[in-house]
Amino acid sequence: MSTEVTVVPFPPAGTSGNADLDRAGETILQLLNKAAGVAEENSRNATEMAQGLSEKLRAAEGRIADLEAEVAAYQEQAQRAEQWLHRVYTEIEDRFLRQGQTARRGVPQR
């Protein structure tokens, strides 16, 4: 296996080789500037996207907080309804069921 090394000789100063180097350098700088512009645009787009997602996240968190408060209100309302149902059940039991048992035993009602 033979490895050949290619050496590109630099032309002597003052020849057209310097113009080639200048063009190559300019081209490299243009490409670097273009790459930097693309990188800046990508960064700007990423920042805008992150800000948009952050706003959506804050809105979602706000909505979650609203829904949690609504759930708590409904739970409280359900507990209150259960208390009322228990009270109504107790009243029915005290007034009607016990009165019926008392009447069947022959005990005068109050």
PDB file of N, CA and C in Angstrom:
ATOM      1  N   MET A   1       0.844  -1.155   0.000  1.00  0.00           N
ATOM      2  CA  MET A   1       0.000   0.000   0.000  1.00  0.00           C
ATOM      3  C   MET A   1       0.894   1.224   0.000  1.00  0.00           C
ATOM      4  N   SER A   2       0.718   2.032  -0.985  1.00  0.00           N
ATOM      5  CA  SER A   2       1.564   3.201  -1.159  1.00  0.00           C
ATOM      6  C   SER A   2       0.753   4.450  -0.888  1.00  0.00           C
ATOM      7  N   THR A   3       1.266   5.318  -0.069  1.00  0.00           N
ATOM      8  CA  THR A   3       0.599   6.570   0.223  1.00  0.00           C
ATOM      9  C   THR A   3       1.406   7.682  -0.400  1.00  0.00           C
ATOM     10  N   GLU A   4       0.758   8.356  -1.319  1.00  0.00           N
ATOM     11  CA  GLU A   4       1.444   9.468  -1.971  1.00  0.00           C
ATOM     12  C   GLU A   4       1.032  10.760  -1.303  1.00  0.00           C
ATOM     13  N   VAL A   5       1.955  11.595  -1.057  1.00  0.00           N
ATOM     14  CA  VAL A   5       1.699  12.896  -0.479  1.00  0.00           C
ATOM     15  C   VAL A   5       1.813  13.909  -1.594  1.00  0.00           C
ATOM     16  N   THR A   6       0.750  14.689  -1.725  1.00  0.00           N
ATOM     17  CA  THR A   6       0.767  15.710  -2.763  1.00  0.00           C
ATOM     18  C   THR A   6       1.048  17.040  -2.100  1.00  0.00           C
ATOM     19  N   VAL A   7       2.040  17.698  -2.585  1.00  0.00           N
ATOM     20  CA  VAL A   7       2.399  19.005  -2.067  1.00  0.00           C
ATOM     21  C   VAL A   7       2.105  20.014  -3.147  1.00  0.00           C
ATOM     22  N   VAL A   8       1.357  21.038  -2.736  1.00  0.00           N
ATOM     23  CA  VAL A   8       1.070  22.099  -3.691  1.00  0.00           C
ATOM     24  C   VAL A   8       2.064  23.212  -3.427  1.00  0.00           C
ATOM     25  N   PRO A   9       2.922  23.455  -4.376  1.00  0.00           N
ATOM     26  CA  PRO A   9       3.935  24.491  -4.148  1.00  0.00           C
ATOM     27  C   PRO A   9       3.309  25.887  -4.228  1.00  0.00           C
ATOM     28  N   PHE A  10       3.754  26.766  -3.356  1.00  0.00           N
ATOM     29  CA  PHE A  10       3.322  28.150  -3.413  1.00  0.00           C
ATOM     30  C   PHE A  10       4.156  28.856  -4.467  1.00  0.00           C
ATOM     31  N   PRO A  11       3.494  29.609  -5.294  1.00  0.00           N
ATOM     32  CA  PRO A  11       4.268  30.349  -6.291  1.00  0.00           C
ATOM     33  C   PRO A  11       5.071  31.468  -5.624  1.00  0.00           C
ATOM     34  N   PRO A  12       6.098  31.860  -6.226  1.00  0.00           N
ATOM     35  CA  PRO A  12       6.903  32.934  -5.650  1.00  0.00           C
ATOM     36  C   PRO A  12       6.104  34.224  -5.529  1.00  0.00           C
ATOM     37  N   ALA A  13       6.480  35.022  -4.558  1.00  0.00           N
ATOM     38  CA  ALA A  13       5.798  36.280  -4.314  1.00  0.00           C
ATOM     39  C   ALA A  13       5.809  37.138  -5.569  1.00  0.00           C
ATOM     40  N   GLY A  14       4.694  37.854  -5.714  1.00  0.00           N
ATOM     41  CA  GLY A  14       4.603  38.776  -6.842  1.00  0.00           C
ATOM     42  C   GLY A  14       4.083  38.116  -8.096  1.00  0.00           C
ATOM     43  N   THR A  15       3.731  36.854  -8.034  1.00  0.00           N
ATOM     44  CA  THR A  15       3.202  36.190  -9.226  1.00  0.00           C
ATOM     45  C   THR A  15       1.697  36.081  -9.098  1.00  0.00           C
ATOM     46  N   SER A  16       1.081  35.489 -10.099  1.00  0.00           N
ATOM     47  CA  SER A  16      -0.375  35.370 -10.094  1.00  0.00           C
ATOM     48  C   SER A  16      -0.860  34.435  -9.000  1.00  0.00           C
ATOM     49  N   GLY A  17       0.017  33.685  -8.381  1.00  0.00           N
ATOM     50  CA  GLY A  17      -0.346  32.792  -7.286  1.00  0.00           C
ATOM     51  C   GLY A  17      -0.921  33.556  -6.110  1.00  0.00           C
ATOM     52  N   ASN A  18      -0.425  34.755  -5.884  1.00  0.00           N
ATOM     53  CA  ASN A  18      -0.954  35.576  -4.796  1.00  0.00           C
ATOM     54  C   ASN A  18      -2.403  35.946  -5.063  1.00  0.00           C
ATOM     55  N   ALA A  19      -2.722  36.194  -6.302  1.00  0.00           N
ATOM     56  CA  ALA A  19      -4.100  36.518  -6.654  1.00  0.00           C
ATOM     57  C   ALA A  19      -4.996  35.316  -6.355  1.00  0.00           C
ATOM     58  N   ASP A  20      -4.494  34.103  -6.638  1.00  0.00           N
ATOM     59  CA  ASP A  20      -5.262  32.896  -6.335  1.00  0.00           C
ATOM     60  C   ASP A  20      -5.482  32.755  -4.829  1.00  0.00           C
ATOM     61  N   LEU A  21      -4.439  33.027  -4.071  1.00  0.00           N
ATOM     62  CA  LEU A  21      -4.561  32.968  -2.613  1.00  0.00           C
ATOM     63  C   LEU A  21      -5.551  34.005  -2.109  1.00  0.00           C
ATOM     64  N   ASP A  22      -5.475  35.200  -2.678  1.00  0.00           N
ATOM     65  CA  ASP A  22      -6.401  36.253  -2.277  1.00  0.00           C
ATOM     66  C   ASP A  22      -7.846  35.848  -2.570  1.00  0.00           C
ATOM     67  N   ARG A  23      -8.063  35.278  -3.766  1.00  0.00           N
ATOM     68  CA  ARG A  23      -9.420  34.832  -4.129  1.00  0.00           C
ATOM     69  C   ARG A  23      -9.887  33.714  -3.198  1.00  0.00           C
ATOM     70  N   ALA A  24      -8.992  32.775  -2.901  1.00  0.00           N
ATOM     71  CA  ALA A  24      -9.339  31.677  -1.992  1.00  0.00           C
ATOM     72  C   ALA A  24      -9.674  32.217  -0.601  1.00  0.00           C
ATOM     73  N   GLY A  25      -8.857  33.150  -0.127  1.00  0.00           N
ATOM     74  CA  GLY A  25      -9.115  33.761   1.183  1.00  0.00           C
ATOM     75  C   GLY A  25     -10.451  34.493   1.198  1.00  0.00           C
ATOM     76  N   GLU A  26     -10.701  35.266   0.134  1.00  0.00           N
ATOM     77  CA  GLU A  26     -11.973  35.995   0.035  1.00  0.00           C
ATOM     78  C   GLU A  26     -13.161  35.021   0.016  1.00  0.00           C
ATOM     79  N   THR A  27     -13.001  33.948  -0.756  1.00  0.00           N
ATOM     80  CA  THR A  27     -14.065  32.951  -0.847  1.00  0.00           C
ATOM     81  C   THR A  27     -14.329  32.320   0.511  1.00  0.00           C
ATOM     82  N   ILE A  28     -13.251  32.006   1.221  1.00  0.00           N
ATOM     83  CA  ILE A  28     -13.403  31.420   2.555  1.00  0.00           C
ATOM     84  C   ILE A  28     -14.116  32.393   3.486  1.00  0.00           C
ATOM     85  N   LEU A  29     -13.731  33.663   3.446  1.00  0.00           N
ATOM     86  CA  LEU A  29     -14.384  34.662   4.292  1.00  0.00           C
ATOM     87  C   LEU A  29     -15.864  34.810   3.928  1.00  0.00           C
ATOM     88  N   GLN A  30     -16.173  34.798   2.624  1.00  0.00           N
ATOM     89  CA  GLN A  30     -17.576  34.881   2.197  1.00  0.00           C
ATOM     90  C   GLN A  30     -18.373  33.687   2.717  1.00  0.00           C
ATOM     91  N   LEU A  31     -17.781  32.506   2.610  1.00  0.00           N
ATOM     92  CA  LEU A  31     -18.458  31.305   3.112  1.00  0.00           C
ATOM     93  C   LEU A  31     -18.644  31.364   4.630  1.00  0.00           C
ATOM     94  N   LEU A  32     -17.618  31.877   5.330  1.00  0.00           N
ATOM     95  CA  LEU A  32     -17.752  32.029   6.781  1.00  0.00           C
ATOM     96  C   LEU A  32     -18.863  33.016   7.128  1.00  0.00           C
ATOM     97  N   ASN A  33     -18.916  34.129   6.408  1.00  0.00           N
ATOM     98  CA  ASN A  33     -19.975  35.114   6.631  1.00  0.00           C
ATOM     99  C   ASN A  33     -21.352  34.516   6.352  1.00  0.00           C
ATOM    100  N   LYS A  34     -21.430  33.754   5.267  1.00  0.00           N
ATOM    101  CA  LYS A  34     -22.702  33.108   4.923  1.00  0.00           C
ATOM    102  C   LYS A  34     -23.095  32.110   6.016  1.00  0.00           C
ATOM    103  N   ALA A  35     -22.130  31.317   6.465  1.00  0.00           N
ATOM    104  CA  ALA A  35     -22.395  30.341   7.526  1.00  0.00           C
ATOM    105  C   ALA A  35     -22.825  31.051   8.812  1.00  0.00           C
ATOM    106  N   ALA A  36     -22.170  32.168   9.119  1.00  0.00           N
ATOM    107  CA  ALA A  36     -22.539  32.932  10.313  1.00  0.00           C
ATOM    108  C   ALA A  36     -23.947  33.483  10.177  1.00  0.00           C
ATOM    109  N   GLY A  37     -24.307  33.947   8.992  1.00  0.00           N
ATOM    110  CA  GLY A  37     -25.665  34.450   8.751  1.00  0.00           C
ATOM    111  C   GLY A  37     -26.707  33.349   8.927  1.00  0.00           C
ATOM    112  N   VAL A  38     -26.404  32.176   8.385  1.00  0.00           N
ATOM    113  CA  VAL A  38     -27.322  31.038   8.536  1.00  0.00           C
ATOM    114  C   VAL A  38     -27.444  30.652  10.002  1.00  0.00           C
ATOM    115  N   ALA A  39     -26.313  30.627  10.716  1.00  0.00           N
ATOM    116  CA  ALA A  39     -26.329  30.282  12.135  1.00  0.00           C
ATOM    117  C   ALA A  39     -27.135  31.302  12.935  1.00  0.00           C
ATOM    118  N   GLU A  40     -26.981  32.584  12.620  1.00  0.00           N
ATOM    119  CA  GLU A  40     -27.738  33.632  13.313  1.00  0.00           C
ATOM    120  C   GLU A  40     -29.230  33.485  13.033  1.00  0.00           C
ATOM    121  N   GLU A  41     -29.585  33.206  11.783  1.00  0.00           N
ATOM    122  CA  GLU A  41     -30.991  33.014  11.423  1.00  0.00           C
ATOM    123  C   GLU A  41     -31.561  31.802  12.152  1.00  0.00           C
ATOM    124  N   ASN A  42     -30.809  30.703  12.191  1.00  0.00           N
ATOM    125  CA  ASN A  42     -31.259  29.514  12.919  1.00  0.00           C
ATOM    126  C   ASN A  42     -31.438  29.815  14.406  1.00  0.00           C
ATOM    127  N   SER A  43     -30.497  30.560  14.957  1.00  0.00           N
ATOM    128  CA  SER A  43     -30.590  30.931  16.366  1.00  0.00           C
ATOM    129  C   SER A  43     -31.811  31.812  16.608  1.00  0.00           C
ATOM    130  N   ARG A  44     -32.048  32.767  15.733  1.00  0.00           N
ATOM    131  CA  ARG A  44     -33.207  33.655  15.850  1.00  0.00           C
ATOM    132  C   ARG A  44     -34.498  32.836  15.773  1.00  0.00           C
ATOM    133  N   ASN A  45     -34.553  31.907  14.804  1.00  0.00           N
ATOM    134  CA  ASN A  45     -35.746  31.063  14.669  1.00  0.00           C
ATOM    135  C   ASN A  45     -35.950  30.197  15.901  1.00  0.00           C
ATOM    136  N   ALA A  46     -34.871  29.633  16.425  1.00  0.00           N
ATOM    137  CA  ALA A  46     -34.965  28.796  17.620  1.00  0.00           C
ATOM    138  C   ALA A  46     -35.445  29.610  18.815  1.00  0.00           C
ATOM    139  N   THR A  47     -34.933  30.847  18.940  1.00  0.00           N
ATOM    140  CA  THR A  47     -35.343  31.714  20.039  1.00  0.00           C
ATOM    141  C   THR A  47     -36.819  32.059  19.926  1.00  0.00           C
ATOM    142  N   GLU A  48     -37.270  32.403  18.723  1.00  0.00           N
ATOM    143  CA  GLU A  48     -38.683  32.723  18.517  1.00  0.00           C
ATOM    144  C   GLU A  48     -39.568  31.519  18.832  1.00  0.00           C
ATOM    145  N   MET A  49     -39.128  30.345  18.402  1.00  0.00           N
ATOM    146  CA  MET A  49     -39.893  29.133  18.658  1.00  0.00           C
ATOM    147  C   MET A  49     -39.949  28.852  20.163  1.00  0.00           C
ATOM    148  N   ALA A  50     -38.824  29.026  20.833  1.00  0.00           N
ATOM    149  CA  ALA A  50     -38.785  28.797  22.276  1.00  0.00           C
ATOM    150  C   ALA A  50     -39.700  29.778  22.999  1.00  0.00           C
ATOM    151  N   GLN A  51     -39.711  31.035  22.554  1.00  0.00           N
ATOM    152  CA  GLN A  51     -40.582  32.023  23.178  1.00  0.00           C
ATOM    153  C   GLN A  51     -42.051  31.665  22.947  1.00  0.00           C
ATOM    154  N   GLY A  52     -42.374  31.241  21.729  1.00  0.00           N
ATOM    155  CA  GLY A  52     -43.752  30.836  21.430  1.00  0.00           C
ATOM    156  C   GLY A  52     -44.171  29.647  22.270  1.00  0.00           C
ATOM    157  N   LEU A  53     -43.287  28.660  22.389  1.00  0.00           N
ATOM    158  CA  LEU A  53     -43.602  27.487  23.209  1.00  0.00           C
ATOM    159  C   LEU A  53     -43.721  27.860  24.683  1.00  0.00           C
ATOM    160  N   SER A  54     -42.888  28.789  25.124  1.00  0.00           N
ATOM    161  CA  SER A  54     -42.958  29.250  26.503  1.00  0.00           C
ATOM    162  C   SER A  54     -44.301  29.928  26.784  1.00  0.00           C
ATOM    163  N   GLU A  55     -44.760  30.741  25.845  1.00  0.00           N
ATOM    164  CA  GLU A  55     -46.067  31.390  25.995  1.00  0.00           C
ATOM    165  C   GLU A  55     -47.184  30.350  26.035  1.00  0.00           C
ATOM    166  N   LYS A  56     -47.090  29.352  25.166  1.00  0.00           N
ATOM    167  CA  LYS A  56     -48.109  28.296  25.167  1.00  0.00           C
ATOM    168  C   LYS A  56     -48.074  27.516  26.481  1.00  0.00           C
ATOM    169  N   LEU A  57     -46.880  27.275  27.002  1.00  0.00           N
ATOM    170  CA  LEU A  57     -46.751  26.568  28.269  1.00  0.00           C
ATOM    171  C   LEU A  57     -47.389  27.369  29.400  1.00  0.00           C
ATOM    172  N   ARG A  58     -47.115  28.685  29.440  1.00  0.00           N
ATOM    173  CA  ARG A  58     -47.717  29.535  30.468  1.00  0.00           C
ATOM    174  C   ARG A  58     -49.240  29.530  30.347  1.00  0.00           C
ATOM    175  N   ALA A  59     -49.741  29.584  29.119  1.00  0.00           N
ATOM    176  CA  ALA A  59     -51.197  29.551  28.921  1.00  0.00           C
ATOM    177  C   ALA A  59     -51.765  28.211  29.392  1.00  0.00           C
ATOM    178  N   ALA A  60     -51.072  27.125  29.079  1.00  0.00           N
ATOM    179  CA  ALA A  60     -51.530  25.793  29.509  1.00  0.00           C
ATOM    180  C   ALA A  60     -51.507  25.691  31.035  1.00  0.00           C
ATOM    181  N   GLU A  61     -50.457  26.230  31.662  1.00  0.00           N
ATOM    182  CA  GLU A  61     -50.382  26.204  33.124  1.00  0.00           C
ATOM    183  C   GLU A  61     -51.523  27.019  33.740  1.00  0.00           C
ATOM    184  N   GLY A  62     -51.831  28.148  33.131  1.00  0.00           N
ATOM    185  CA  GLY A  62     -52.961  28.953  33.605  1.00  0.00           C
ATOM    186  C   GLY A  62     -54.272  28.201  33.475  1.00  0.00           C
ATOM    187  N   ARG A  63     -54.446  27.526  32.351  1.00  0.00           N
ATOM    188  CA  ARG A  63     -55.669  26.746  32.126  1.00  0.00           C
ATOM    189  C   ARG A  63     -55.759  25.598  33.126  1.00  0.00           C
ATOM    190  N   ILE A  64     -54.632  24.961  33.395  1.00  0.00           N
ATOM    191  CA  ILE A  64     -54.608  23.876  34.384  1.00  0.00           C
ATOM    192  C   ILE A  64     -55.014  24.407  35.755  1.00  0.00           C
ATOM    193  N   ALA A  65     -54.481  25.553  36.130  1.00  0.00           N
ATOM    194  CA  ALA A  65     -54.832  26.151  37.422  1.00  0.00           C
ATOM    195  C   ALA A  65     -56.333  26.451  37.478  1.00  0.00           C
ATOM    196  N   ASP A  66     -56.884  26.982  36.378  1.00  0.00           N
ATOM    197  CA  ASP A  66     -58.325  27.256  36.328  1.00  0.00           C
ATOM    198  C   ASP A  66     -59.131  25.972  36.482  1.00  0.00           C
ATOM    199  N   LEU A  67     -58.706  24.926  35.785  1.00  0.00           N
ATOM    200  CA  LEU A  67     -59.416  23.648  35.860  1.00  0.00           C
ATOM    201  C   LEU A  67     -59.305  23.025  37.249  1.00  0.00           C
ATOM    202  N   GLU A  68     -58.148  23.154  37.874  1.00  0.00           N
ATOM    203  CA  GLU A  68     -57.994  22.630  39.230  1.00  0.00           C
ATOM    204  C   GLU A  68     -58.913  23.359  40.200  1.00  0.00           C
ATOM    205  N   ALA A  69     -59.029  24.676  40.044  1.00  0.00           N
ATOM    206  CA  ALA A  69     -59.935  25.444  40.896  1.00  0.00           C
ATOM    207  C   ALA A  69     -61.382  25.023  40.646  1.00  0.00           C
ATOM    208  N   GLU A  70     -61.719  24.788  39.393  1.00  0.00           N
ATOM    209  CA  GLU A  70     -63.077  24.351  39.050  1.00  0.00           C
ATOM    210  C   GLU A  70     -63.361  22.974  39.656  1.00  0.00           C
ATOM    211  N   VAL A  71     -62.401  22.075  39.584  1.00  0.00           N
ATOM    212  CA  VAL A  71     -62.563  20.740  40.175  1.00  0.00           C
ATOM    213  C   VAL A  71     -62.779  20.863  41.682  1.00  0.00           C
ATOM    214  N   ALA A  72     -61.986  21.706  42.337  1.00  0.00           N
ATOM    215  CA  ALA A  72     -62.133  21.895  43.780  1.00  0.00           C
ATOM    216  C   ALA A  72     -63.524  22.424  44.116  1.00  0.00           C
ATOM    217  N   ALA A  73     -64.029  23.353  43.315  1.00  0.00           N
ATOM    218  CA  ALA A  73     -65.371  23.898  43.553  1.00  0.00           C
ATOM    219  C   ALA A  73     -66.425  22.811  43.394  1.00  0.00           C
ATOM    220  N   TYR A  74     -66.285  21.975  42.369  1.00  0.00           N
ATOM    221  CA  TYR A  74     -67.244  20.892  42.168  1.00  0.00           C
ATOM    222  C   TYR A  74     -67.157  19.851  43.284  1.00  0.00           C
ATOM    223  N   GLN A  75     -65.950  19.576  43.767  1.00  0.00           N
ATOM    224  CA  GLN A  75     -65.804  18.632  44.873  1.00  0.00           C
ATOM    225  C   GLN A  75     -66.488  19.166  46.128  1.00  0.00           C
ATOM    226  N   GLU A  76     -66.306  20.449  46.370  1.00  0.00           N
ATOM    227  CA  GLU A  76     -66.956  21.070  47.530  1.00  0.00           C
ATOM    228  C   GLU A  76     -68.470  21.012  47.382  1.00  0.00           C
ATOM    229  N   GLN A  77     -68.948  21.293  46.189  1.00  0.00           N
ATOM    230  CA  GLN A  77     -70.387  21.250  45.926  1.00  0.00           C
ATOM    231  C   GLN A  77     -70.926  19.823  46.098  1.00  0.00           C
ATOM    232  N   ALA A  78     -70.173  18.830  45.646  1.00  0.00           N
ATOM    233  CA  ALA A  78     -70.598  17.435  45.795  1.00  0.00           C
ATOM    234  C   ALA A  78     -70.634  17.034  47.266  1.00  0.00           C
ATOM    235  N   GLN A  79     -69.656  17.473  48.034  1.00  0.00           N
ATOM    236  CA  GLN A  79     -69.646  17.176  49.469  1.00  0.00           C
ATOM    237  C   GLN A  79     -70.849  17.809  50.161  1.00  0.00           C
ATOM    238  N   ARG A  80     -71.152  19.037  49.785  1.00  0.00           N
ATOM    239  CA  ARG A  80     -72.311  19.725  50.375  1.00  0.00           C
ATOM    240  C   ARG A  80     -73.605  19.007  50.004  1.00  0.00           C
ATOM    241  N   ALA A  81     -73.697  18.545  48.752  1.00  0.00           N
ATOM    242  CA  ALA A  81     -74.887  17.803  48.325  1.00  0.00           C
ATOM    243  C   ALA A  81     -75.014  16.500  49.112  1.00  0.00           C
ATOM    244  N   GLU A  82     -73.900  15.827  49.345  1.00  0.00           N
ATOM    245  CA  GLU A  82     -73.923  14.594  50.144  1.00  0.00           C
ATOM    246  C   GLU A  82     -74.408  14.874  51.568  1.00  0.00           C
ATOM    247  N   GLN A  83     -73.955  15.984  52.137  1.00  0.00           N
ATOM    248  CA  GLN A  83     -74.403  16.345  53.480  1.00  0.00           C
ATOM    249  C   GLN A  83     -75.907  16.576  53.504  1.00  0.00           C
ATOM    250  N   TRP A  84     -76.429  17.259  52.512  1.00  0.00           N
ATOM    251  CA  TRP A  84     -77.864  17.509  52.427  1.00  0.00           C
ATOM    252  C   TRP A  84     -78.638  16.208  52.238  1.00  0.00           C
ATOM    253  N   LEU A  85     -78.130  15.333  51.381  1.00  0.00           N
ATOM    254  CA  LEU A  85     -78.797  14.046  51.181  1.00  0.00           C
ATOM    255  C   LEU A  85     -78.831  13.240  52.480  1.00  0.00           C
ATOM    256  N   HIS A  86     -77.735  13.264  53.209  1.00  0.00           N
ATOM    257  CA  HIS A  86     -77.704  12.563  54.491  1.00  0.00           C
ATOM    258  C   HIS A  86     -78.717  13.168  55.461  1.00  0.00           C
ATOM    259  N   ARG A  87     -78.782  14.476  55.494  1.00  0.00           N
ATOM    260  CA  ARG A  87     -79.740  15.149  56.388  1.00  0.00           C
ATOM    261  C   ARG A  87     -81.177  14.803  56.006  1.00  0.00           C
ATOM    262  N   VAL A  88     -81.474  14.828  54.707  1.00  0.00           N
ATOM    263  CA  VAL A  88     -82.826  14.492  54.240  1.00  0.00           C
ATOM    264  C   VAL A  88     -83.141  13.036  54.588  1.00  0.00           C
ATOM    265  N   TYR A  89     -82.187  12.152  54.363  1.00  0.00           N
ATOM    266  CA  TYR A  89     -82.372  10.732  54.682  1.00  0.00           C
ATOM    267  C   TYR A  89     -82.675  10.555  56.170  1.00  0.00           C
ATOM    268  N   THR A  90     -81.903  11.254  57.003  1.00  0.00           N
ATOM    269  CA  THR A  90     -82.097  11.159  58.450  1.00  0.00           C
ATOM    270  C   THR A  90     -83.476  11.672  58.852  1.00  0.00           C
ATOM    271  N   GLU A  91     -83.890  12.786  58.267  1.00  0.00           N
ATOM    272  CA  GLU A  91     -85.222  13.344  58.568  1.00  0.00           C
ATOM    273  C   GLU A  91     -86.323  12.370  58.157  1.00  0.00           C
ATOM    274  N   ILE A  92     -86.190  11.783  56.979  1.00  0.00           N
ATOM    275  CA  ILE A  92     -87.198  10.816  56.508  1.00  0.00           C
ATOM    276  C   ILE A  92     -87.233   9.626  57.459  1.00  0.00           C
ATOM    277  N   GLU A  93     -86.078   9.139  57.808  1.00  0.00           N
ATOM    278  CA  GLU A  93     -86.003   7.995  58.704  1.00  0.00           C
ATOM    279  C   GLU A  93     -86.626   8.333  60.058  1.00  0.00           C
ATOM    280  N   ASP A  94     -86.292   9.496  60.616  1.00  0.00           N
ATOM    281  CA  ASP A  94     -86.821   9.895  61.929  1.00  0.00           C
ATOM    282  C   ASP A  94     -88.334  10.108  61.889  1.00  0.00           C
ATOM    283  N   ARG A  95     -88.816  10.773  60.889  1.00  0.00           N
ATOM    284  CA  ARG A  95     -90.229  11.157  60.864  1.00  0.00           C
ATOM    285  C   ARG A  95     -91.153  10.061  60.379  1.00  0.00           C
ATOM    286  N   PHE A  96     -90.738   9.333  59.368  1.00  0.00           N
ATOM    287  CA  PHE A  96     -91.664   8.382  58.762  1.00  0.00           C
ATOM    288  C   PHE A  96     -91.416   6.941  59.176  1.00  0.00           C
ATOM    289  N   LEU A  97     -90.211   6.506  59.093  1.00  0.00           N
ATOM    290  CA  LEU A  97     -89.936   5.111  59.378  1.00  0.00           C
ATOM    291  C   LEU A  97     -90.122   4.798  60.854  1.00  0.00           C
ATOM    292  N   ARG A  98     -89.626   5.633  61.713  1.00  0.00           N
ATOM    293  CA  ARG A  98     -89.771   5.396  63.156  1.00  0.00           C
ATOM    294  C   ARG A  98     -91.213   5.596  63.599  1.00  0.00           C
ATOM    295  N   GLN A  99     -91.904   6.548  62.977  1.00  0.00           N
ATOM    296  CA  GLN A  99     -93.323   6.750  63.303  1.00  0.00           C
ATOM    297  C   GLN A  99     -94.126   5.519  62.905  1.00  0.00           C
ATOM    298  N   GLY A 100     -93.760   4.965  61.745  1.00  0.00           N
ATOM    299  CA  GLY A 100     -94.463   3.756  61.290  1.00  0.00           C
ATOM    300  C   GLY A 100     -94.228   2.597  62.234  1.00  0.00           C
ATOM    301  N   GLN A 101     -93.023   2.453  62.728  1.00  0.00           N
ATOM    302  CA  GLN A 101     -92.723   1.381  63.670  1.00  0.00           C
ATOM    303  C   GLN A 101     -93.467   1.603  64.986  1.00  0.00           C
ATOM    304  N   THR A 102     -93.535   2.853  65.424  1.00  0.00           N
ATOM    305  CA  THR A 102     -94.222   3.180  66.665  1.00  0.00           C
ATOM    306  C   THR A 102     -95.719   2.910  66.515  1.00  0.00           C
ATOM    307  N   ALA A 103     -96.296   3.263  65.384  1.00  0.00           N
ATOM    308  CA  ALA A 103     -97.727   3.056  65.153  1.00  0.00           C
ATOM    309  C   ALA A 103     -98.054   1.575  65.107  1.00  0.00           C
ATOM    310  N   ARG A 104     -97.193   0.753  64.580  1.00  0.00           N
ATOM    311  CA  ARG A 104     -97.429  -0.687  64.495  1.00  0.00           C
ATOM    312  C   ARG A 104     -97.396  -1.330  65.881  1.00  0.00           C
ATOM    313  N   ARG A 105     -96.662  -0.758  66.775  1.00  0.00           N
ATOM    314  CA  ARG A 105     -96.570  -1.317  68.121  1.00  0.00           C
ATOM    315  C   ARG A 105     -97.761  -0.882  68.996  1.00  0.00           C
ATOM    316  N   GLY A 106     -98.523   0.052  68.493  1.00  0.00           N
ATOM    317  CA  GLY A 106     -99.680   0.502  69.261  1.00  0.00           C
ATOM    318  C   GLY A 106     -99.361   1.634  70.200  1.00  0.00           C
ATOM    319  N   VAL A 107     -98.210   2.196  70.061  1.00  0.00           N
ATOM    320  CA  VAL A 107     -97.819   3.318  70.910  1.00  0.00           C
ATOM    321  C   VAL A 107     -98.385   4.570  70.273  1.00  0.00           C
ATOM    322  N   PRO A 108     -99.056   5.396  71.068  1.00  0.00           N
ATOM    323  CA  PRO A 108     -99.608   6.627  70.490  1.00  0.00           C
ATOM    324  C   PRO A 108     -98.495   7.536  69.965  1.00  0.00           C
ATOM    325  N   GLN A 109     -98.842   8.172  68.869  1.00  0.00           N
ATOM    326  CA  GLN A 109     -97.867   9.107  68.264  1.00  0.00           C
ATOM    327  C   GLN A 109     -97.919  10.426  68.998  1.00  0.00           C
ATOM    328  N   ARG A 110     -96.870  11.139  68.965  1.00  0.00           N
ATOM    329  CA  ARG A 110     -96.799  12.437  69.607  1.00  0.00           C
ATOM    330  C   ARG A 110     -97.516  13.475  68.822  1.00  0.00           C
TER     331      ARG A 110
END
